[in-house]
Protein backbone atom coordinates (compact mmCIF):
# COMPACT_ATOMS: atom_id res chain seq x y z
CA MET A 1 5.55 -114.75 176.99
CA ALA A 2 2.30 -113.33 175.72
CA GLY A 3 -0.53 -113.28 178.18
CA ILE A 4 -4.10 -114.01 177.19
CA HIS A 5 -6.29 -111.75 179.29
CA ILE A 6 -9.13 -113.26 181.31
CA THR A 7 -11.64 -111.18 179.34
CA ASP A 8 -10.50 -112.94 176.15
CA ILE A 9 -10.95 -116.32 177.82
CA GLU A 10 -14.44 -115.26 178.90
CA SER A 11 -15.28 -114.01 175.39
CA ALA A 12 -14.11 -117.29 173.91
CA ILE A 13 -16.23 -119.26 176.39
CA ASN A 14 -19.30 -117.21 175.52
CA TRP A 15 -18.61 -117.56 171.79
CA TRP A 16 -18.37 -121.35 172.14
CA ARG A 17 -21.51 -121.46 174.30
CA ALA A 18 -23.43 -119.66 171.55
CA ARG A 19 -21.86 -121.80 168.83
CA SER A 20 -22.31 -125.17 170.57
CA PRO A 21 -25.08 -124.84 173.15
CA SER A 22 -25.54 -127.55 175.73
CA ALA A 23 -28.03 -130.13 174.52
CA ASP A 24 -29.24 -130.89 178.04
CA GLY A 25 -28.55 -127.54 179.69
CA ILE A 26 -26.01 -129.14 182.00
CA VAL A 27 -23.00 -130.45 180.08
CA ALA A 28 -21.04 -127.86 178.12
CA CYS A 29 -19.15 -128.68 174.93
CA ALA A 30 -15.52 -129.81 175.20
CA GLU A 31 -14.18 -126.39 174.16
CA VAL A 32 -16.15 -124.58 176.88
CA ARG A 33 -14.99 -127.10 179.49
CA ALA A 34 -11.34 -126.69 178.45
CA LEU A 35 -11.54 -122.90 178.55
CA ALA A 36 -13.60 -122.90 181.76
CA GLU A 37 -10.87 -124.84 183.54
CA ILE A 38 -8.34 -122.15 182.63
CA TYR A 39 -10.81 -119.41 183.58
CA ALA A 40 -11.53 -121.01 186.97
CA LEU A 41 -7.83 -121.33 187.77
CA MET A 42 -7.25 -117.71 186.80
CA VAL A 43 -10.06 -116.59 189.10
CA TYR A 44 -8.89 -118.83 191.94
CA TYR A 45 -5.30 -117.60 191.74
CA ARG A 46 -6.38 -114.03 190.92
CA GLU A 47 -4.42 -114.02 187.69
CA ALA A 48 -5.40 -111.56 184.96
CA GLU A 49 -3.54 -113.40 182.20
CA ALA A 50 -2.83 -116.96 181.12
CA ASP A 51 0.47 -117.76 179.42
CA GLU A 52 -0.16 -118.34 175.73
CA ASP A 53 2.73 -120.78 175.43
CA THR A 54 1.88 -123.04 178.39
CA MET A 55 -1.89 -123.16 178.01
CA PRO A 56 -3.17 -126.76 177.70
CA ALA A 57 -3.58 -127.79 174.04
CA LYS A 58 -7.39 -128.23 174.12
CA ALA A 59 -7.92 -124.83 175.71
CA LYS A 60 -5.46 -123.16 173.36
CA ASP A 61 -7.10 -124.74 170.31
CA ALA A 62 -10.52 -123.55 171.50
CA TRP A 63 -9.16 -120.06 172.16
CA LEU A 64 -7.42 -119.93 168.76
CA THR A 65 -10.65 -120.95 167.01
CA TRP A 66 -12.43 -118.05 168.74
CA TYR A 67 -9.49 -115.75 167.95
CA ALA A 68 -9.77 -116.61 164.24
CA HIS A 69 -13.25 -115.03 164.30
CA THR A 70 -12.03 -111.70 165.72
CA PRO A 71 -10.70 -108.84 163.57
CA ASP A 72 -6.97 -109.26 163.05
CA ALA A 73 -5.50 -105.79 162.71
CA PRO A 74 -6.98 -102.63 164.25
CA CYS A 75 -5.89 -100.63 161.20
CA ILE A 76 -8.47 -98.24 159.70
CA ALA A 77 -6.20 -97.24 156.78
CA ILE A 78 -5.19 -93.91 158.33
CA CYS A 79 -1.61 -94.57 159.38
CA SER A 80 0.11 -91.62 160.96
CA THR A 81 3.22 -93.59 161.95
CA ALA A 82 4.24 -93.30 158.29
CA GLN A 83 4.37 -89.52 158.91
CA GLY A 84 6.54 -89.94 162.00
CA ASP A 85 3.99 -90.16 164.81
CA PRO A 86 5.17 -92.53 167.57
CA LEU A 87 1.54 -93.65 168.07
CA CYS A 88 -0.80 -94.07 165.11
CA LYS A 89 -3.73 -91.65 165.29
CA GLY A 90 -5.87 -94.10 163.31
CA CYS A 91 -5.45 -97.37 165.20
CA GLY A 92 -3.48 -96.50 168.34
CA ARG A 93 -0.57 -98.86 167.74
CA THR A 94 3.06 -97.87 168.06
CA GLU A 95 5.27 -97.81 164.98
CA ASP A 96 6.98 -100.97 166.25
CA GLU A 97 3.62 -102.75 166.67
CA VAL A 98 2.54 -101.74 163.16
CA GLN A 99 5.82 -102.96 161.64
CA HIS A 100 5.93 -106.26 163.54
CA TRP A 101 2.21 -107.08 163.41
CA PRO A 102 2.59 -109.87 160.79
CA VAL A 103 5.00 -111.81 163.02
CA MET A 104 3.28 -111.23 166.36
CA SER A 105 1.58 -114.18 168.04
CA PRO A 106 -2.19 -114.15 168.60
CA GLY A 107 -1.61 -113.46 172.30
CA GLU A 108 0.67 -110.52 171.54
CA LYS A 109 -1.89 -109.10 169.11
CA ARG A 110 -4.67 -109.42 171.68
CA GLN A 111 -2.49 -107.58 174.24
CA VAL A 112 -2.18 -104.69 171.79
CA TRP A 113 -5.92 -104.80 171.07
CA ARG A 114 -6.64 -104.67 174.81
CA ARG A 115 -4.32 -101.70 175.35
CA ILE A 116 -5.69 -99.63 172.47
CA THR A 117 -9.28 -100.48 173.45
CA LEU A 118 -8.73 -99.42 177.05
CA GLU A 119 -6.97 -96.23 175.96
CA ALA A 120 -9.72 -95.51 173.38
CA LYS A 121 -7.76 -92.51 172.05
CA ALA A 122 -7.32 -93.64 168.45
CA TRP A 123 -9.68 -92.46 165.75
CA ARG A 124 -10.94 -96.02 165.38
CA PHE A 125 -12.76 -95.48 168.68
CA ASN A 126 -14.34 -92.14 167.84
CA ARG A 127 -14.46 -90.41 164.43
CA TYR A 128 -13.97 -93.52 162.37
CA ALA A 129 -15.45 -96.16 164.69
CA GLU A 130 -18.40 -96.82 162.37
CA ARG A 131 -16.07 -97.19 159.37
CA ALA A 132 -13.81 -99.57 161.32
CA ARG A 133 -16.80 -101.73 162.32
CA GLU A 134 -18.00 -101.87 158.71
CA ASP A 135 -14.51 -102.81 157.48
CA ALA A 136 -14.14 -105.50 160.17
CA THR A 137 -17.54 -106.98 159.31
CA ALA A 138 -16.69 -107.01 155.61
CA GLN A 139 -13.32 -108.67 156.30
CA ARG A 140 -14.82 -111.26 158.62
CA ASP A 141 -17.67 -112.12 156.23
CA SER A 142 -15.54 -112.47 153.12
CA PRO A 143 -12.80 -115.07 152.66
CA PRO A 144 -9.28 -113.69 152.26
CA ASP A 145 -7.95 -113.38 148.73
CA PRO A 146 -4.82 -115.59 148.51
CA ASN A 147 -3.50 -113.31 145.74
CA ASP A 148 -3.77 -110.15 147.89
CA SER A 149 -0.32 -109.57 149.37
CA ALA A 150 -1.42 -106.28 150.98
CA ALA A 151 -3.88 -108.09 153.27
CA SER A 152 -1.12 -110.17 154.83
CA SER A 153 1.09 -107.18 155.50
CA LEU A 154 -1.22 -105.34 157.95
């Protein structure tokens, strides 16, 4: 079970609110309502994570649409796990996370992103943060090349 953290639900709600603002200032779009129901239940039950696999379909679809607009891999092309480091100095992922990234679910990937962001020890969060932001913006703004096999292996 991969857990989707409440901060990701909140980010998705805010993304949808900006993307599809309420016409009358009262009624939110369907995606916001679906995600808000999950968010409210998490707050009520004091849960930090929602189960990716049992999330209602409308909420999961809305979350996945938001997720598709986030950077996929935290890689900044400085991989020290290839030199034997248990934790990559560039992105902060473990060797296992780097190797299994292509088959991880969106929820699993977001868990890794949350951990490395909270730790903030990897170079992506200090020396190379500006480079990582530029690379993420370039990736997000340009469509993926279907002939680029390297892009799918990150």
